[in-house]
Amino acid sequence: MEPAGVLYQSCDYIIVDKHWDIRIDSKMWYEKHTVQKQLGLRFPELADPGTYYGFRFCHQLDYSTSGVLCVALNKAAAGRVYHCFKDRRATKVYLALVRGWVEEEKMTIDFSIGENTTEGRTHMMCIQGTDGCENPKPCQSQLTVLEYGDYDGDPVTKVVLQPLTGRTHQLRVHCEAVGHPIVGDYTYSLGEDSAPYRMMLHAHLLHLPLEPLPLQAAAPDPFTTPTDPRWRPQRCLRTVEGVVETLLEHRAAEERTEREEKKRQQEERSRQQEERRKRWRGREESEEQRRMCQQWLSEWTDV
């Protein structure tokens, strides 16, 4: 298996293009192929012996998912990315081939997702209301249709997926829930969709609004006919580049609004503090009041 390609590198971060069917890390001695081991062999001088795996992986990608993976090279850098994900300011864009032709060109998928406690399926997640579903949490994903075509003769749709929340297996479960499972998803097809050589889900882009400059990287689209001749597009509605540009413009507008609101709140707090200081200064004694008080005290002590 070829090593993960480096998409970006600085003194704080490495962003790689993860291969499909490879784990990020593992505590099992028999796991010979992991991103952790690939990085350790390629960048031994950057490994941190103070961490269990040697590298700080800022987020997760499923074993079967390929694409953009961000790795922090120090604790401070990891903390900055952690807060981006925690505050839901990170933008993640995925590409996928899904079964069938999706009629609704743009949709927001809104199903709560929980853990599946059904025997034999505890490694899976499920939508709320499914038998054995425990601890469901609200989850939202956006789906945008790019192209209609076929894969090995079966109708499929190429889509952009954007998770608005971060639940385990969220995109896979949401696509399954709307009747368009991801091509090659062996787990959620219960072993039926085994013909494709991989699961067709790819982390295409990651945008992190760090200061002073944002961090962004994109992994090449693997779902093209030159890359995989079994995928044959028939009708194109929009391009990946156009959808990504629109998403980033929308996100940039949201960030500007957030900064302006934060600035407004800071200015309001400063104004209120200044008003309190003025009121306090207004209550200070005048020279005449101070003279009269001192005179009263002297008269009282003379009694």
C-alpha atoms as a PDB file:
ATOM      1  CA  MET A   1       0.000   0.000   0.000  1.00  0.00           C
ATOM      2  CA  GLU A   2       1.383   3.403  -0.989  1.00  0.00           C
ATOM      3  CA  PRO A   3       2.072   5.884   1.843  1.00  0.00           C
ATOM      4  CA  ALA A   4      -0.365   8.692   2.542  1.00  0.00           C
ATOM      5  CA  GLY A   5       0.299  11.694   0.322  1.00  0.00           C
ATOM      6  CA  VAL A   6       1.165  14.953   2.069  1.00  0.00           C
ATOM      7  CA  LEU A   7      -1.243  17.757   1.145  1.00  0.00           C
ATOM      8  CA  TYR A   8       0.137  20.396   3.517  1.00  0.00           C
ATOM      9  CA  GLN A   9       3.005  20.710   5.980  1.00  0.00           C
ATOM     10  CA  SER A  10       4.132  23.398   8.425  1.00  0.00           C
ATOM     11  CA  CYS A  11       5.851  23.527  11.799  1.00  0.00           C
ATOM     12  CA  ASP A  12       2.457  22.937  13.451  1.00  0.00           C
ATOM     13  CA  TYR A  13       0.528  20.617  11.125  1.00  0.00           C
ATOM     14  CA  ILE A  14       0.739  17.871   8.545  1.00  0.00           C
ATOM     15  CA  ILE A  15      -2.341  17.192   6.426  1.00  0.00           C
ATOM     16  CA  VAL A  16      -2.331  13.906   4.532  1.00  0.00           C
ATOM     17  CA  ASP A  17      -4.522  12.156   1.971  1.00  0.00           C
ATOM     18  CA  LYS A  18      -5.488   8.974   3.823  1.00  0.00           C
ATOM     19  CA  HIS A  19      -5.837   5.771   1.813  1.00  0.00           C
ATOM     20  CA  TRP A  20      -9.073   3.806   2.013  1.00  0.00           C
ATOM     21  CA  ASP A  21      -9.181   0.603   4.095  1.00  0.00           C
ATOM     22  CA  ILE A  22      -6.477   1.686   6.524  1.00  0.00           C
ATOM     23  CA  ARG A  23      -6.790   2.597  10.184  1.00  0.00           C
ATOM     24  CA  ILE A  24      -5.515   5.882  11.522  1.00  0.00           C
ATOM     25  CA  ASP A  25      -3.910   4.223  14.532  1.00  0.00           C
ATOM     26  CA  SER A  26      -4.106   1.001  16.483  1.00  0.00           C
ATOM     27  CA  LYS A  27      -2.971  -0.504  19.767  1.00  0.00           C
ATOM     28  CA  MET A  28      -2.932  -3.971  18.210  1.00  0.00           C
ATOM     29  CA  TRP A  29       0.529  -5.327  17.443  1.00  0.00           C
ATOM     30  CA  TYR A  30      -0.705  -7.128  14.337  1.00  0.00           C
ATOM     31  CA  GLU A  31      -1.958  -3.914  12.683  1.00  0.00           C
ATOM     32  CA  LYS A  32       0.961  -3.331  10.336  1.00  0.00           C
ATOM     33  CA  HIS A  33      -0.622  -0.718   8.071  1.00  0.00           C
ATOM     34  CA  THR A  34      -1.825   2.446   9.809  1.00  0.00           C
ATOM     35  CA  VAL A  35      -1.426   6.152   9.116  1.00  0.00           C
ATOM     36  CA  GLN A  36       0.422   6.325  12.430  1.00  0.00           C
ATOM     37  CA  LYS A  37       3.077   3.875  11.195  1.00  0.00           C
ATOM     38  CA  GLN A  38       3.306   5.575   7.791  1.00  0.00           C
ATOM     39  CA  LEU A  39       3.999   8.937   9.423  1.00  0.00           C
ATOM     40  CA  GLY A  40       6.478   7.387  11.844  1.00  0.00           C
ATOM     41  CA  LEU A  41       8.485   5.916   8.970  1.00  0.00           C
ATOM     42  CA  ARG A  42       8.363   9.040   6.821  1.00  0.00           C
ATOM     43  CA  PHE A  43       8.769  11.671   9.555  1.00  0.00           C
ATOM     44  CA  PRO A  44      10.498   9.964  12.501  1.00  0.00           C
ATOM     45  CA  GLU A  45      11.946  13.292  13.652  1.00  0.00           C
ATOM     46  CA  LEU A  46       8.436  14.747  14.073  1.00  0.00           C
ATOM     47  CA  ALA A  47       7.050  11.973  16.279  1.00  0.00           C
ATOM     48  CA  ASP A  48       6.328  13.063  19.851  1.00  0.00           C
ATOM     49  CA  PRO A  49       7.382  10.380  22.373  1.00  0.00           C
ATOM     50  CA  GLY A  50       5.126  12.054  24.927  1.00  0.00           C
ATOM     51  CA  THR A  51       2.011  10.813  23.101  1.00  0.00           C
ATOM     52  CA  TYR A  52       0.803   7.227  22.843  1.00  0.00           C
ATOM     53  CA  TYR A  53       0.753   7.135  19.036  1.00  0.00           C
ATOM     54  CA  GLY A  54       3.559   9.613  18.402  1.00  0.00           C
ATOM     55  CA  PHE A  55       1.234  11.970  16.507  1.00  0.00           C
ATOM     56  CA  ARG A  56      -1.833  13.991  17.500  1.00  0.00           C
ATOM     57  CA  PHE A  57      -4.662  13.159  15.093  1.00  0.00           C
ATOM     58  CA  CYS A  58      -7.050  16.119  15.188  1.00  0.00           C
ATOM     59  CA  HIS A  59     -10.133  14.228  13.991  1.00  0.00           C
ATOM     60  CA  GLN A  60     -11.211  10.798  12.815  1.00  0.00           C
ATOM     61  CA  LEU A  61     -11.876   9.107   9.489  1.00  0.00           C
ATOM     62  CA  ASP A  62     -13.456   5.672   9.245  1.00  0.00           C
ATOM     63  CA  TYR A  63     -11.291   2.729   8.231  1.00  0.00           C
ATOM     64  CA  SER A  64     -13.026   2.627   4.829  1.00  0.00           C
ATOM     65  CA  THR A  65     -12.994   6.391   4.186  1.00  0.00           C
ATOM     66  CA  SER A  66     -10.202   8.104   2.271  1.00  0.00           C
ATOM     67  CA  GLY A  67      -9.148  11.726   2.147  1.00  0.00           C
ATOM     68  CA  VAL A  68      -8.058  14.734   4.171  1.00  0.00           C
ATOM     69  CA  LEU A  69      -6.691  14.008   7.643  1.00  0.00           C
ATOM     70  CA  CYS A  70      -5.149  16.711   9.845  1.00  0.00           C
ATOM     71  CA  VAL A  71      -2.298  15.886  12.239  1.00  0.00           C
ATOM     72  CA  ALA A  72      -1.013  18.372  14.835  1.00  0.00           C
ATOM     73  CA  LEU A  73       2.705  18.383  15.635  1.00  0.00           C
ATOM     74  CA  ASN A  74       2.446  19.948  19.089  1.00  0.00           C
ATOM     75  CA  LYS A  75      -0.022  20.316  21.934  1.00  0.00           C
ATOM     76  CA  ALA A  76      -0.830  23.982  21.313  1.00  0.00           C
ATOM     77  CA  ALA A  77      -1.608  23.360  17.633  1.00  0.00           C
ATOM     78  CA  ALA A  78      -3.841  20.423  18.558  1.00  0.00           C
ATOM     79  CA  GLY A  79      -5.713  22.639  21.017  1.00  0.00           C
ATOM     80  CA  ARG A  80      -6.466  25.260  18.368  1.00  0.00           C
ATOM     81  CA  VAL A  81      -7.947  22.677  16.007  1.00  0.00           C
ATOM     82  CA  TYR A  82      -9.838  21.017  18.868  1.00  0.00           C
ATOM     83  CA  HIS A  83     -11.656  24.278  19.594  1.00  0.00           C
ATOM     84  CA  CYS A  84     -12.549  24.678  15.895  1.00  0.00           C
ATOM     85  CA  PHE A  85     -14.255  21.292  15.916  1.00  0.00           C
ATOM     86  CA  LYS A  86     -15.776  21.777  19.376  1.00  0.00           C
ATOM     87  CA  ASP A  87     -17.289  25.138  18.393  1.00  0.00           C
ATOM     88  CA  ARG A  88     -18.423  23.713  15.018  1.00  0.00           C
ATOM     89  CA  ARG A  89     -16.367  26.229  13.072  1.00  0.00           C
ATOM     90  CA  ALA A  90     -14.579  23.595  10.979  1.00  0.00           C
ATOM     91  CA  THR A  91     -15.875  23.008   7.444  1.00  0.00           C
ATOM     92  CA  LYS A  92     -15.679  19.428   6.168  1.00  0.00           C
ATOM     93  CA  VAL A  93     -16.693  18.483   2.636  1.00  0.00           C
ATOM     94  CA  TYR A  94     -17.040  14.870   1.482  1.00  0.00           C
ATOM     95  CA  LEU A  95     -17.620  13.301  -1.917  1.00  0.00           C
ATOM     96  CA  ALA A  96     -19.591  10.090  -2.320  1.00  0.00           C
ATOM     97  CA  LEU A  97     -21.246   7.787  -4.806  1.00  0.00           C
ATOM     98  CA  VAL A  98     -24.640   6.644  -3.510  1.00  0.00           C
ATOM     99  CA  ARG A  99     -27.001   3.979  -4.794  1.00  0.00           C
ATOM    100  CA  GLY A 100     -29.913   5.097  -6.970  1.00  0.00           C
ATOM    101  CA  TRP A 101     -30.676   8.488  -8.450  1.00  0.00           C
ATOM    102  CA  VAL A 102     -31.362  11.074  -5.757  1.00  0.00           C
ATOM    103  CA  GLU A 103     -34.429  13.051  -6.850  1.00  0.00           C
ATOM    104  CA  GLU A 104     -34.037  16.013  -4.489  1.00  0.00           C
ATOM    105  CA  GLU A 105     -30.990  17.940  -5.708  1.00  0.00           C
ATOM    106  CA  LYS A 106     -30.329  19.608  -2.359  1.00  0.00           C
ATOM    107  CA  MET A 107     -31.479  18.396   1.025  1.00  0.00           C
ATOM    108  CA  THR A 108     -30.736  18.643   4.718  1.00  0.00           C
ATOM    109  CA  ILE A 109     -30.871  15.207   6.328  1.00  0.00           C
ATOM    110  CA  ASP A 110     -32.035  15.524   9.921  1.00  0.00           C
ATOM    111  CA  PHE A 111     -32.118  12.240  11.846  1.00  0.00           C
ATOM    112  CA  SER A 112     -30.893  11.711  15.388  1.00  0.00           C
ATOM    113  CA  ILE A 113     -28.280   8.947  15.537  1.00  0.00           C
ATOM    114  CA  GLY A 114     -27.576   6.571  18.412  1.00  0.00           C
ATOM    115  CA  GLU A 115     -25.648   3.432  19.237  1.00  0.00           C
ATOM    116  CA  ASN A 116     -26.987   0.124  17.957  1.00  0.00           C
ATOM    117  CA  THR A 117     -27.239  -2.384  20.805  1.00  0.00           C
ATOM    118  CA  THR A 118     -28.717  -5.169  18.671  1.00  0.00           C
ATOM    119  CA  GLU A 119     -26.690  -8.365  18.939  1.00  0.00           C
ATOM    120  CA  GLY A 120     -24.198  -8.587  16.097  1.00  0.00           C
ATOM    121  CA  ARG A 121     -24.538  -4.886  15.245  1.00  0.00           C
ATOM    122  CA  THR A 122     -22.927  -3.175  18.218  1.00  0.00           C
ATOM    123  CA  HIS A 123     -20.177  -1.844  15.918  1.00  0.00           C
ATOM    124  CA  MET A 124     -22.830   0.116  14.013  1.00  0.00           C
ATOM    125  CA  MET A 125     -24.899   3.241  14.594  1.00  0.00           C
ATOM    126  CA  CYS A 126     -28.597   3.704  13.842  1.00  0.00           C
ATOM    127  CA  ILE A 127     -31.261   6.390  13.572  1.00  0.00           C
ATOM    128  CA  GLN A 128     -33.620   7.142  16.434  1.00  0.00           C
ATOM    129  CA  GLY A 129     -36.614   4.814  16.488  1.00  0.00           C
ATOM    130  CA  THR A 130     -34.663   1.787  15.288  1.00  0.00           C
ATOM    131  CA  ASP A 131     -34.917  -1.242  17.561  1.00  0.00           C
ATOM    132  CA  GLY A 132     -31.947  -1.268  19.907  1.00  0.00           C
ATOM    133  CA  CYS A 133     -31.073   2.402  19.373  1.00  0.00           C
ATOM    134  CA  GLU A 134     -29.605   3.956  22.520  1.00  0.00           C
ATOM    135  CA  ASN A 135     -28.444   7.457  23.393  1.00  0.00           C
ATOM    136  CA  PRO A 136     -29.550   9.132  20.137  1.00  0.00           C
ATOM    137  CA  LYS A 137     -28.239  12.649  19.540  1.00  0.00           C
ATOM    138  CA  PRO A 138     -29.421  15.274  17.014  1.00  0.00           C
ATOM    139  CA  CYS A 139     -27.479  15.089  13.736  1.00  0.00           C
ATOM    140  CA  GLN A 140     -27.684  17.039  10.499  1.00  0.00           C
ATOM    141  CA  SER A 141     -26.014  16.540   7.126  1.00  0.00           C
ATOM    142  CA  GLN A 142     -26.353  18.461   3.879  1.00  0.00           C
ATOM    143  CA  LEU A 143     -26.473  16.634   0.544  1.00  0.00           C
ATOM    144  CA  THR A 144     -25.976  18.251  -2.870  1.00  0.00           C
ATOM    145  CA  VAL A 145     -26.274  16.305  -6.128  1.00  0.00           C
ATOM    146  CA  LEU A 146     -23.376  16.687  -8.574  1.00  0.00           C
ATOM    147  CA  GLU A 147     -23.930  14.048 -11.258  1.00  0.00           C
ATOM    148  CA  TYR A 148     -26.175  11.170 -12.233  1.00  0.00           C
ATOM    149  CA  GLY A 149     -24.635   8.083 -13.776  1.00  0.00           C
ATOM    150  CA  ASP A 150     -24.023   4.391 -13.256  1.00  0.00           C
ATOM    151  CA  TYR A 151     -21.447   2.216 -11.553  1.00  0.00           C
ATOM    152  CA  ASP A 152     -20.956  -1.222 -13.064  1.00  0.00           C
ATOM    153  CA  GLY A 153     -24.301  -0.710 -14.792  1.00  0.00           C
ATOM    154  CA  ASP A 154     -26.258   0.200 -11.646  1.00  0.00           C
ATOM    155  CA  PRO A 155     -27.730   3.716 -11.236  1.00  0.00           C
ATOM    156  CA  VAL A 156     -25.763   5.881  -8.808  1.00  0.00           C
ATOM    157  CA  THR A 157     -25.514   9.563  -7.912  1.00  0.00           C
ATOM    158  CA  LYS A 158     -22.359  11.510  -7.182  1.00  0.00           C
ATOM    159  CA  VAL A 159     -22.974  13.874  -4.276  1.00  0.00           C
ATOM    160  CA  VAL A 160     -21.308  16.371  -1.977  1.00  0.00           C
ATOM    161  CA  LEU A 161     -21.935  15.668   1.707  1.00  0.00           C
ATOM    162  CA  GLN A 162     -21.344  18.153   4.489  1.00  0.00           C
ATOM    163  CA  PRO A 163     -21.751  16.980   8.093  1.00  0.00           C
ATOM    164  CA  LEU A 164     -23.092  19.794  10.261  1.00  0.00           C
ATOM    165  CA  THR A 165     -22.577  17.679  13.386  1.00  0.00           C
ATOM    166  CA  GLY A 166     -19.974  15.054  14.213  1.00  0.00           C
ATOM    167  CA  ARG A 167     -21.568  11.723  15.137  1.00  0.00           C
ATOM    168  CA  THR A 168     -19.788   8.419  14.402  1.00  0.00           C
ATOM    169  CA  HIS A 169     -20.688   7.038  10.925  1.00  0.00           C
ATOM    170  CA  GLN A 170     -23.044  10.003  10.486  1.00  0.00           C
ATOM    171  CA  LEU A 171     -22.859  10.321   6.696  1.00  0.00           C
ATOM    172  CA  ARG A 172     -23.144   6.583   6.147  1.00  0.00           C
ATOM    173  CA  VAL A 173     -26.183   6.285   8.418  1.00  0.00           C
ATOM    174  CA  HIS A 174     -27.881   9.377   6.972  1.00  0.00           C
ATOM    175  CA  CYS A 175     -27.443   8.207   3.368  1.00  0.00           C
ATOM    176  CA  GLU A 176     -28.829   4.804   4.311  1.00  0.00           C
ATOM    177  CA  ALA A 177     -31.763   6.475   6.099  1.00  0.00           C
ATOM    178  CA  VAL A 178     -32.880   8.402   2.980  1.00  0.00           C
ATOM    179  CA  GLY A 179     -32.719   5.268   0.834  1.00  0.00           C
ATOM    180  CA  HIS A 180     -29.421   6.003  -0.928  1.00  0.00           C
ATOM    181  CA  PRO A 181     -26.660   4.015   0.809  1.00  0.00           C
ATOM    182  CA  ILE A 182     -23.056   4.713  -0.090  1.00  0.00           C
ATOM    183  CA  VAL A 183     -21.707   2.431  -2.814  1.00  0.00           C
ATOM    184  CA  GLY A 184     -19.492  -0.290  -1.354  1.00  0.00           C
ATOM    185  CA  ASP A 185     -20.573   0.216   2.265  1.00  0.00           C
ATOM    186  CA  TYR A 186     -20.162  -3.397   3.323  1.00  0.00           C
ATOM    187  CA  THR A 187     -21.090  -2.734   6.963  1.00  0.00           C
ATOM    188  CA  TYR A 188     -24.369  -0.872   6.525  1.00  0.00           C
ATOM    189  CA  SER A 189     -25.488  -3.058   3.623  1.00  0.00           C
ATOM    190  CA  LEU A 190     -25.024  -6.001   6.019  1.00  0.00           C
ATOM    191  CA  GLY A 191     -22.478  -7.529   3.667  1.00  0.00           C
ATOM    192  CA  GLU A 192     -24.577  -7.312   0.509  1.00  0.00           C
ATOM    193  CA  ASP A 193     -22.717  -4.470  -1.252  1.00  0.00           C
ATOM    194  CA  SER A 194     -19.401  -6.297  -1.546  1.00  0.00           C
ATOM    195  CA  ALA A 195     -18.613  -6.052  -5.269  1.00  0.00           C
ATOM    196  CA  PRO A 196     -16.959  -2.567  -5.332  1.00  0.00           C
ATOM    197  CA  TYR A 197     -13.268  -2.529  -4.439  1.00  0.00           C
ATOM    198  CA  ARG A 198     -13.829   0.172  -1.787  1.00  0.00           C
ATOM    199  CA  MET A 199     -16.476   2.228  -0.023  1.00  0.00           C
ATOM    200  CA  MET A 200     -17.106   5.320  -2.137  1.00  0.00           C
ATOM    201  CA  LEU A 201     -16.775   7.977   0.568  1.00  0.00           C
ATOM    202  CA  HIS A 202     -13.942  10.506   0.415  1.00  0.00           C
ATOM    203  CA  ALA A 203     -13.049  13.443   2.686  1.00  0.00           C
ATOM    204  CA  HIS A 204     -12.414  16.015  -0.030  1.00  0.00           C
ATOM    205  CA  LEU A 205     -11.782  19.261   1.849  1.00  0.00           C
ATOM    206  CA  LEU A 206     -11.074  20.569   5.343  1.00  0.00           C
ATOM    207  CA  HIS A 207     -11.199  24.269   6.248  1.00  0.00           C
ATOM    208  CA  LEU A 208     -10.179  25.465   9.719  1.00  0.00           C
ATOM    209  CA  PRO A 209     -10.611  29.185  10.571  1.00  0.00           C
ATOM    210  CA  LEU A 210      -7.397  29.479  12.580  1.00  0.00           C
ATOM    211  CA  GLU A 211      -5.718  32.766  13.475  1.00  0.00           C
ATOM    212  CA  PRO A 212      -3.989  34.639  11.951  1.00  0.00           C
ATOM    213  CA  LEU A 213      -4.589  32.613   8.764  1.00  0.00           C
ATOM    214  CA  PRO A 214      -7.089  29.824   8.063  1.00  0.00           C
ATOM    215  CA  LEU A 215      -5.853  26.318   7.324  1.00  0.00           C
ATOM    216  CA  GLN A 216      -7.286  24.586   4.270  1.00  0.00           C
ATOM    217  CA  ALA A 217      -6.429  21.481   2.272  1.00  0.00           C
ATOM    218  CA  ALA A 218      -8.164  19.417  -0.401  1.00  0.00           C
ATOM    219  CA  ALA A 219      -7.571  15.826  -1.493  1.00  0.00           C
ATOM    220  CA  PRO A 220      -8.100  15.045  -5.211  1.00  0.00           C
ATOM    221  CA  ASP A 221     -11.465  13.657  -6.279  1.00  0.00           C
ATOM    222  CA  PRO A 222     -11.086   9.867  -6.712  1.00  0.00           C
ATOM    223  CA  PHE A 223     -14.528   9.387  -8.262  1.00  0.00           C
ATOM    224  CA  THR A 224     -13.712  10.204 -11.872  1.00  0.00           C
ATOM    225  CA  THR A 225     -13.864   7.977 -14.925  1.00  0.00           C
ATOM    226  CA  PRO A 226     -10.084   8.126 -15.597  1.00  0.00           C
ATOM    227  CA  THR A 227      -9.489   6.988 -12.009  1.00  0.00           C
ATOM    228  CA  ASP A 228     -12.270   4.386 -11.981  1.00  0.00           C
ATOM    229  CA  PRO A 229     -13.753   3.467 -15.408  1.00  0.00           C
ATOM    230  CA  ARG A 230     -16.646   1.646 -13.716  1.00  0.00           C
ATOM    231  CA  TRP A 231     -18.084   5.056 -12.810  1.00  0.00           C
ATOM    232  CA  ARG A 232     -19.769   6.497 -15.895  1.00  0.00           C
ATOM    233  CA  PRO A 233     -21.433   9.903 -15.435  1.00  0.00           C
ATOM    234  CA  GLN A 234     -24.428  10.620 -17.648  1.00  0.00           C
ATOM    235  CA  ARG A 235     -25.729  14.019 -16.557  1.00  0.00           C
ATOM    236  CA  CYS A 236     -23.850  16.746 -14.695  1.00  0.00           C
ATOM    237  CA  LEU A 237     -25.813  19.290 -12.649  1.00  0.00           C
ATOM    238  CA  ARG A 238     -22.924  21.138 -11.018  1.00  0.00           C
ATOM    239  CA  THR A 239     -19.187  20.810 -10.433  1.00  0.00           C
ATOM    240  CA  VAL A 240     -17.353  19.938  -7.254  1.00  0.00           C
ATOM    241  CA  GLU A 241     -15.395  23.185  -7.508  1.00  0.00           C
ATOM    242  CA  GLY A 242     -18.552  25.279  -7.802  1.00  0.00           C
ATOM    243  CA  VAL A 243     -20.241  23.655  -4.810  1.00  0.00           C
ATOM    244  CA  VAL A 244     -17.114  23.941  -2.659  1.00  0.00           C
ATOM    245  CA  GLU A 245     -16.676  27.603  -3.601  1.00  0.00           C
ATOM    246  CA  THR A 246     -20.282  28.345  -2.607  1.00  0.00           C
ATOM    247  CA  LEU A 247     -19.900  26.490   0.697  1.00  0.00           C
ATOM    248  CA  LEU A 248     -16.713  28.356   1.566  1.00  0.00           C
ATOM    249  CA  GLU A 249     -18.235  31.719   0.625  1.00  0.00           C
ATOM    250  CA  HIS A 250     -21.220  30.955   2.848  1.00  0.00           C
ATOM    251  CA  ARG A 251     -18.924  29.906   5.667  1.00  0.00           C
ATOM    252  CA  ALA A 252     -16.788  33.044   5.244  1.00  0.00           C
ATOM    253  CA  ALA A 253     -19.930  35.187   5.478  1.00  0.00           C
ATOM    254  CA  GLU A 254     -20.924  33.374   8.676  1.00  0.00           C
ATOM    255  CA  GLU A 255     -17.455  33.932  10.133  1.00  0.00           C
ATOM    256  CA  ARG A 256     -17.636  37.655   9.302  1.00  0.00           C
ATOM    257  CA  THR A 257     -21.023  37.874  10.987  1.00  0.00           C
ATOM    258  CA  GLU A 258     -19.674  36.047  14.044  1.00  0.00           C
ATOM    259  CA  ARG A 259     -16.663  38.386  14.253  1.00  0.00           C
ATOM    260  CA  GLU A 260     -18.871  41.463  13.905  1.00  0.00           C
ATOM    261  CA  GLU A 261     -21.227  40.187  16.609  1.00  0.00           C
ATOM    262  CA  LYS A 262     -18.294  39.416  18.894  1.00  0.00           C
ATOM    263  CA  LYS A 263     -16.905  42.913  18.301  1.00  0.00           C
ATOM    264  CA  ARG A 264     -20.323  44.455  18.983  1.00  0.00           C
ATOM    265  CA  GLN A 265     -20.617  42.527  22.256  1.00  0.00           C
ATOM    266  CA  GLN A 266     -17.131  43.622  23.325  1.00  0.00           C
ATOM    267  CA  GLU A 267     -17.953  47.252  22.526  1.00  0.00           C
ATOM    268  CA  GLU A 268     -21.212  46.955  24.483  1.00  0.00           C
ATOM    269  CA  ARG A 269     -19.373  45.530  27.500  1.00  0.00           C
ATOM    270  CA  SER A 270     -16.812  48.347  27.296  1.00  0.00           C
ATOM    271  CA  ARG A 271     -19.604  50.932  27.105  1.00  0.00           C
ATOM    272  CA  GLN A 272     -21.344  49.456  30.153  1.00  0.00           C
ATOM    273  CA  GLN A 273     -18.086  49.384  32.114  1.00  0.00           C
ATOM    274  CA  GLU A 274     -17.427  53.029  31.244  1.00  0.00           C
ATOM    275  CA  GLU A 275     -20.942  53.992  32.365  1.00  0.00           C
ATOM    276  CA  ARG A 276     -20.393  52.216  35.681  1.00  0.00           C
ATOM    277  CA  ARG A 277     -17.102  54.064  36.144  1.00  0.00           C
ATOM    278  CA  LYS A 278     -18.824  57.386  35.416  1.00  0.00           C
ATOM    279  CA  ARG A 279     -21.584  56.654  37.915  1.00  0.00           C
ATOM    280  CA  TRP A 280     -18.985  55.726  40.505  1.00  0.00           C
ATOM    281  CA  ARG A 281     -17.023  58.917  39.871  1.00  0.00           C
ATOM    282  CA  GLY A 282     -20.261  60.870  40.191  1.00  0.00           C
ATOM    283  CA  ARG A 283     -20.684  59.510  43.691  1.00  0.00           C
ATOM    284  CA  GLU A 284     -17.255  60.755  44.817  1.00  0.00           C
ATOM    285  CA  GLU A 285     -17.263  63.379  47.557  1.00  0.00           C
ATOM    286  CA  SER A 286     -16.829  67.006  46.641  1.00  0.00           C
ATOM    287  CA  GLU A 287     -14.238  69.146  48.444  1.00  0.00           C
ATOM    288  CA  GLU A 288     -17.011  70.870  50.416  1.00  0.00           C
ATOM    289  CA  GLN A 289     -18.502  67.531  51.492  1.00  0.00           C
ATOM    290  CA  ARG A 290     -15.092  66.272  52.550  1.00  0.00           C
ATOM    291  CA  ARG A 291     -14.403  69.499  54.560  1.00  0.00           C
ATOM    292  CA  MET A 292     -17.742  69.284  56.353  1.00  0.00           C
ATOM    293  CA  CYS A 293     -17.209  65.602  57.172  1.00  0.00           C
ATOM    294  CA  GLN A 294     -13.770  66.287  58.622  1.00  0.00           C
ATOM    295  CA  GLN A 295     -15.193  69.180  60.685  1.00  0.00           C
ATOM    296  CA  TRP A 296     -17.961  66.945  62.044  1.00  0.00           C
ATOM    297  CA  LEU A 297     -15.455  64.251  62.970  1.00  0.00           C
ATOM    298  CA  SER A 298     -13.225  66.731  64.772  1.00  0.00           C
ATOM    299  CA  GLU A 299     -16.193  68.135  66.715  1.00  0.00           C
ATOM    300  CA  TRP A 300     -17.327  64.626  67.636  1.00  0.00           C
ATOM    301  CA  THR A 301     -13.903  63.622  68.949  1.00  0.00           C
ATOM    302  CA  ASP A 302     -13.723  66.797  71.074  1.00  0.00           C
ATOM    303  CA  VAL A 303     -16.877  65.865  72.975  1.00  0.00           C
END
